[in-house]
N, C-alpha and C. Protein backbone atom coordinates (compact mmCIF):
# COMPACT_ATOMS: atom_id res chain seq x y z
N MET A 1 0.86 -1.19 0.00
CA MET A 1 0.01 -0.05 -0.01
C MET A 1 0.89 1.23 0.01
N THR A 2 0.68 2.11 -0.95
CA THR A 2 1.41 3.37 -0.96
C THR A 2 0.61 4.44 -0.28
N GLY A 3 1.30 5.23 0.58
CA GLY A 3 0.69 6.31 1.30
C GLY A 3 1.46 7.62 1.11
N LEU A 4 0.77 8.71 1.48
CA LEU A 4 1.33 10.05 1.28
C LEU A 4 1.17 10.83 2.58
N ILE A 5 2.24 11.51 2.99
CA ILE A 5 2.17 12.42 4.12
C ILE A 5 2.68 13.81 3.59
N VAL A 6 1.91 14.85 3.88
CA VAL A 6 2.28 16.19 3.47
C VAL A 6 2.19 17.12 4.65
N LYS A 7 3.21 17.92 4.88
CA LYS A 7 3.15 18.98 5.83
C LYS A 7 4.01 20.14 5.31
N GLY A 8 3.42 21.29 5.11
CA GLY A 8 4.14 22.40 4.51
C GLY A 8 4.69 22.02 3.14
N ALA A 9 5.97 22.19 2.92
CA ALA A 9 6.61 21.82 1.65
C ALA A 9 7.22 20.39 1.63
N THR A 10 6.95 19.64 2.72
CA THR A 10 7.53 18.31 2.81
C THR A 10 6.48 17.27 2.37
N VAL A 11 6.93 16.43 1.46
CA VAL A 11 6.10 15.34 0.91
C VAL A 11 6.83 14.07 1.06
N ILE A 12 6.15 13.05 1.64
CA ILE A 12 6.78 11.75 1.83
C ILE A 12 5.85 10.67 1.25
N PHE A 13 6.33 9.86 0.37
CA PHE A 13 5.59 8.68 -0.14
C PHE A 13 6.19 7.49 0.55
N LEU A 14 5.33 6.63 1.14
CA LEU A 14 5.69 5.48 1.90
C LEU A 14 4.97 4.24 1.45
N GLU A 15 5.60 3.12 1.58
CA GLU A 15 5.00 1.85 1.30
C GLU A 15 4.78 1.11 2.57
N GLY A 16 3.52 0.65 2.81
CA GLY A 16 3.20 -0.10 3.97
C GLY A 16 1.89 0.28 4.57
N PRO A 17 1.61 -0.20 5.78
CA PRO A 17 0.28 0.03 6.36
C PRO A 17 0.14 1.46 6.87
N ASP A 18 -1.12 1.94 6.94
CA ASP A 18 -1.44 3.26 7.44
C ASP A 18 -0.89 3.40 8.88
N PRO A 19 -0.03 4.40 9.12
CA PRO A 19 0.55 4.55 10.45
C PRO A 19 -0.37 5.23 11.46
N GLY A 20 -1.47 5.82 11.00
CA GLY A 20 -2.30 6.61 11.92
C GLY A 20 -1.81 8.03 12.00
N THR A 21 -2.65 8.91 12.48
CA THR A 21 -2.35 10.32 12.53
C THR A 21 -1.12 10.69 13.33
N LEU A 22 -1.03 10.17 14.57
CA LEU A 22 0.10 10.56 15.42
C LEU A 22 1.44 10.10 14.86
N LEU A 23 1.55 8.87 14.36
CA LEU A 23 2.81 8.43 13.82
C LEU A 23 3.12 9.14 12.50
N ALA A 24 2.10 9.44 11.71
CA ALA A 24 2.31 10.20 10.48
C ALA A 24 2.90 11.56 10.82
N MET A 25 2.37 12.19 11.79
CA MET A 25 2.88 13.50 12.23
C MET A 25 4.32 13.36 12.74
N ALA A 26 4.61 12.33 13.51
CA ALA A 26 5.99 12.15 14.03
C ALA A 26 6.96 11.88 12.88
N LEU A 27 6.52 11.12 11.87
CA LEU A 27 7.41 10.85 10.71
C LEU A 27 7.70 12.13 9.94
N VAL A 28 6.69 12.91 9.59
CA VAL A 28 6.94 14.09 8.80
C VAL A 28 7.73 15.12 9.58
N ASP A 29 7.49 15.19 10.87
CA ASP A 29 8.25 16.12 11.72
C ASP A 29 9.76 15.74 11.79
N ALA A 30 10.03 14.44 11.87
CA ALA A 30 11.42 13.97 11.90
C ALA A 30 12.12 14.30 10.57
N VAL A 31 11.38 14.18 9.45
CA VAL A 31 11.98 14.51 8.17
C VAL A 31 12.25 15.98 8.08
N ARG A 32 11.26 16.78 8.51
CA ARG A 32 11.36 18.24 8.45
C ARG A 32 12.52 18.75 9.33
N LYS A 33 12.77 18.09 10.41
CA LYS A 33 13.88 18.49 11.32
C LYS A 33 15.23 17.95 10.85
N GLY A 34 15.22 17.10 9.86
CA GLY A 34 16.49 16.50 9.38
C GLY A 34 17.01 15.40 10.31
N ASP A 35 16.16 14.83 11.09
CA ASP A 35 16.51 13.84 12.10
C ASP A 35 16.43 12.45 11.50
N SER A 36 17.45 12.09 10.73
CA SER A 36 17.42 10.81 10.00
C SER A 36 17.42 9.60 10.94
N ARG A 37 18.03 9.76 12.09
CA ARG A 37 18.00 8.65 13.03
C ARG A 37 16.60 8.35 13.54
N SER A 38 15.90 9.39 13.93
CA SER A 38 14.48 9.23 14.38
C SER A 38 13.60 8.72 13.27
N TRP A 39 13.84 9.29 12.08
CA TRP A 39 13.07 8.91 10.90
C TRP A 39 13.23 7.38 10.61
N THR A 40 14.48 6.92 10.57
CA THR A 40 14.75 5.52 10.34
C THR A 40 14.16 4.61 11.38
N SER A 41 14.28 5.04 12.63
CA SER A 41 13.77 4.29 13.77
C SER A 41 12.22 4.17 13.65
N HIS A 42 11.55 5.28 13.34
CA HIS A 42 10.11 5.27 13.22
C HIS A 42 9.68 4.30 12.06
N LEU A 43 10.36 4.36 10.97
CA LEU A 43 10.00 3.53 9.84
C LEU A 43 10.12 2.01 10.21
N GLU A 44 11.18 1.68 10.84
CA GLU A 44 11.39 0.26 11.20
C GLU A 44 10.31 -0.18 12.19
N GLU A 45 10.02 0.65 13.11
CA GLU A 45 9.04 0.29 14.17
C GLU A 45 7.66 0.02 13.61
N ILE A 46 7.26 0.70 12.57
CA ILE A 46 5.91 0.62 12.07
C ILE A 46 5.86 -0.08 10.70
N ASN A 47 6.93 -0.72 10.33
CA ASN A 47 6.98 -1.53 9.10
C ASN A 47 6.64 -0.75 7.84
N LEU A 48 7.26 0.43 7.72
CA LEU A 48 7.12 1.23 6.52
C LEU A 48 8.47 1.47 5.87
N GLN A 49 8.42 1.76 4.58
CA GLN A 49 9.65 2.12 3.90
C GLN A 49 9.34 3.23 2.88
N ARG A 50 10.30 4.07 2.66
CA ARG A 50 10.13 5.14 1.69
C ARG A 50 10.03 4.55 0.33
N THR A 51 9.19 5.12 -0.52
CA THR A 51 9.01 4.66 -1.86
C THR A 51 8.98 5.86 -2.85
N THR A 52 9.02 5.54 -4.11
CA THR A 52 8.97 6.60 -5.12
C THR A 52 7.55 7.06 -5.35
N ARG A 53 7.44 8.20 -5.93
CA ARG A 53 6.12 8.76 -6.22
C ARG A 53 5.42 7.93 -7.29
N PRO A 54 4.16 7.57 -7.06
CA PRO A 54 3.43 6.80 -8.06
C PRO A 54 3.28 7.59 -9.36
N LYS A 55 3.38 6.86 -10.48
CA LYS A 55 3.13 7.49 -11.79
C LYS A 55 2.17 6.62 -12.54
N PRO A 56 1.04 7.20 -12.98
CA PRO A 56 0.63 8.59 -12.70
C PRO A 56 0.21 8.75 -11.25
N LEU A 57 0.31 9.95 -10.80
CA LEU A 57 -0.08 10.27 -9.42
C LEU A 57 -1.58 10.56 -9.35
N THR A 58 -2.36 9.59 -8.82
CA THR A 58 -3.78 9.77 -8.73
C THR A 58 -4.23 9.43 -7.30
N ARG A 59 -5.37 9.87 -6.95
CA ARG A 59 -5.91 9.55 -5.59
C ARG A 59 -6.09 8.07 -5.45
N GLN A 60 -6.43 7.37 -6.50
CA GLN A 60 -6.65 5.95 -6.47
C GLN A 60 -5.33 5.15 -6.27
N SER A 61 -4.19 5.83 -6.57
CA SER A 61 -2.91 5.12 -6.39
C SER A 61 -2.42 5.19 -4.90
N LEU A 62 -3.17 5.83 -4.03
CA LEU A 62 -2.75 6.00 -2.64
C LEU A 62 -3.77 5.32 -1.72
N ALA A 63 -3.25 4.43 -0.90
CA ALA A 63 -4.12 3.71 0.03
C ALA A 63 -4.50 4.55 1.22
N TRP A 64 -3.58 5.44 1.65
CA TRP A 64 -3.85 6.32 2.78
C TRP A 64 -3.12 7.62 2.58
N VAL A 65 -3.64 8.72 3.21
CA VAL A 65 -3.09 10.02 2.98
C VAL A 65 -3.23 10.87 4.30
N TYR A 66 -2.18 11.63 4.59
CA TYR A 66 -2.28 12.64 5.68
C TYR A 66 -1.78 13.96 5.12
N VAL A 67 -2.57 14.99 5.18
CA VAL A 67 -2.20 16.36 4.76
C VAL A 67 -2.34 17.18 6.01
N PHE A 68 -1.23 17.69 6.56
CA PHE A 68 -1.33 18.46 7.77
C PHE A 68 -1.18 19.94 7.36
N VAL A 69 -2.13 20.78 7.77
CA VAL A 69 -2.06 22.18 7.55
C VAL A 69 -2.14 22.92 8.92
N THR A 70 -1.66 24.14 8.99
CA THR A 70 -1.58 24.83 10.22
C THR A 70 -2.34 26.14 10.22
N ILE A 71 -2.93 26.47 11.31
CA ILE A 71 -3.56 27.77 11.48
C ILE A 71 -2.90 28.41 12.70
N GLY A 72 -2.23 29.55 12.50
CA GLY A 72 -1.54 30.22 13.54
C GLY A 72 -2.38 31.22 14.30
N GLU A 73 -2.07 31.39 15.54
CA GLU A 73 -2.75 32.44 16.33
C GLU A 73 -1.90 33.66 16.36
N PRO A 74 -2.41 34.87 16.28
CA PRO A 74 -3.82 35.19 16.24
C PRO A 74 -4.36 35.15 14.81
N GLU A 75 -3.52 34.96 13.80
CA GLU A 75 -3.99 34.97 12.43
C GLU A 75 -4.79 33.67 12.17
N GLN A 76 -5.89 33.80 11.47
CA GLN A 76 -6.76 32.65 11.26
C GLN A 76 -6.71 32.18 9.77
N THR A 77 -5.65 32.54 9.07
CA THR A 77 -5.55 32.07 7.67
C THR A 77 -4.90 30.73 7.65
N ARG A 78 -5.35 29.92 6.65
CA ARG A 78 -4.81 28.55 6.54
C ARG A 78 -3.56 28.62 5.70
N LEU A 79 -2.52 27.94 6.14
CA LEU A 79 -1.32 27.86 5.36
C LEU A 79 -1.45 26.74 4.30
N GLU A 80 -1.14 27.06 3.08
CA GLU A 80 -1.29 26.08 2.00
C GLU A 80 -0.06 25.16 2.02
N PRO A 81 -0.29 23.83 1.74
CA PRO A 81 0.89 22.98 1.53
C PRO A 81 1.56 23.30 0.22
N GLY A 82 2.88 23.18 0.24
CA GLY A 82 3.63 23.38 -1.06
C GLY A 82 4.68 24.45 -0.88
N PRO A 83 5.22 24.99 -1.95
CA PRO A 83 4.77 24.84 -3.34
C PRO A 83 5.18 23.50 -3.95
N PHE A 84 4.30 22.98 -4.82
CA PHE A 84 4.54 21.69 -5.45
C PHE A 84 4.28 21.87 -6.97
N ASP A 85 4.67 20.84 -7.72
CA ASP A 85 4.38 20.84 -9.15
C ASP A 85 2.85 20.72 -9.34
N ASP A 86 2.38 21.03 -10.49
CA ASP A 86 0.93 21.07 -10.78
C ASP A 86 0.21 19.77 -10.40
N GLU A 87 0.82 18.63 -10.83
CA GLU A 87 0.18 17.32 -10.59
C GLU A 87 -0.07 17.05 -9.08
N LEU A 88 0.99 17.33 -8.25
CA LEU A 88 0.87 17.07 -6.82
C LEU A 88 -0.04 18.11 -6.19
N ALA A 89 0.04 19.35 -6.60
CA ALA A 89 -0.83 20.40 -6.07
C ALA A 89 -2.31 20.06 -6.32
N ARG A 90 -2.65 19.62 -7.55
CA ARG A 90 -4.05 19.23 -7.84
C ARG A 90 -4.47 18.04 -7.01
N LEU A 91 -3.58 17.09 -6.76
CA LEU A 91 -3.93 15.96 -5.93
C LEU A 91 -4.24 16.37 -4.51
N ILE A 92 -3.39 17.23 -3.96
CA ILE A 92 -3.61 17.71 -2.60
C ILE A 92 -4.90 18.50 -2.50
N GLU A 93 -5.22 19.33 -3.51
CA GLU A 93 -6.50 20.04 -3.51
C GLU A 93 -7.68 19.08 -3.53
N ALA A 94 -7.57 17.99 -4.31
CA ALA A 94 -8.62 16.98 -4.36
C ALA A 94 -8.78 16.29 -3.01
N ILE A 95 -7.67 15.99 -2.36
CA ILE A 95 -7.73 15.33 -1.07
C ILE A 95 -8.37 16.27 -0.06
N GLU A 96 -8.01 17.54 -0.08
CA GLU A 96 -8.55 18.51 0.83
C GLU A 96 -10.08 18.67 0.60
N ALA A 97 -10.43 18.61 -0.68
CA ALA A 97 -11.91 18.74 -1.00
C ALA A 97 -12.71 17.53 -0.47
N GLU A 98 -12.04 16.32 -0.47
CA GLU A 98 -12.67 15.14 0.11
C GLU A 98 -12.88 15.35 1.60
N ARG A 99 -11.88 15.90 2.25
CA ARG A 99 -11.90 16.05 3.72
C ARG A 99 -12.87 17.16 4.15
N HIS A 100 -13.02 18.20 3.31
CA HIS A 100 -13.88 19.34 3.67
C HIS A 100 -14.82 19.65 2.46
N PRO A 101 -15.77 18.76 2.21
CA PRO A 101 -16.59 18.90 1.01
C PRO A 101 -17.43 20.16 0.93
N HIS A 102 -17.72 20.80 2.07
CA HIS A 102 -18.56 21.99 2.02
C HIS A 102 -17.75 23.26 2.19
N ALA A 103 -16.44 23.19 2.11
CA ALA A 103 -15.63 24.36 2.28
C ALA A 103 -15.78 25.29 1.09
N ASP A 104 -15.72 26.60 1.32
CA ASP A 104 -15.79 27.57 0.27
C ASP A 104 -14.38 27.78 -0.27
N PRO A 105 -14.13 27.43 -1.54
CA PRO A 105 -12.78 27.60 -2.12
C PRO A 105 -12.25 29.00 -2.17
N THR A 106 -13.22 29.99 -2.08
CA THR A 106 -12.77 31.40 -2.09
C THR A 106 -12.38 31.89 -0.68
N ASN A 107 -12.74 31.06 0.34
CA ASN A 107 -12.37 31.38 1.72
C ASN A 107 -11.70 30.15 2.32
N PRO A 108 -10.36 30.04 2.24
CA PRO A 108 -9.67 28.82 2.63
C PRO A 108 -9.64 28.51 4.13
N ALA A 109 -10.12 29.43 4.96
CA ALA A 109 -10.09 29.12 6.37
C ALA A 109 -11.13 28.06 6.71
N PRO A 110 -10.81 27.06 7.54
CA PRO A 110 -11.78 26.00 7.83
C PRO A 110 -12.94 26.48 8.64
């Protein structure tokens, strides 16, 4: 099973079972911090391995997905993931639309 974790400009494609929200966050944070030791340890513990980006990149090619976005205080604007190439950006937009089907695209705040 191929999965995707996105936080900010960090994108990770992994092969293996869905790690769940907390482990997905720990994985992407370890990568963002450049902590390869923690990253490797987490992967081994949860039976995941890094994999290449599926081609073509479609929602159907991913068994599980985590897209983490941040809202800072006091500002209430949503930070967009990326910047990414067009194909990945469209996929993330589609995933976000799945998660928030009634969101107003002209007002990105949740």
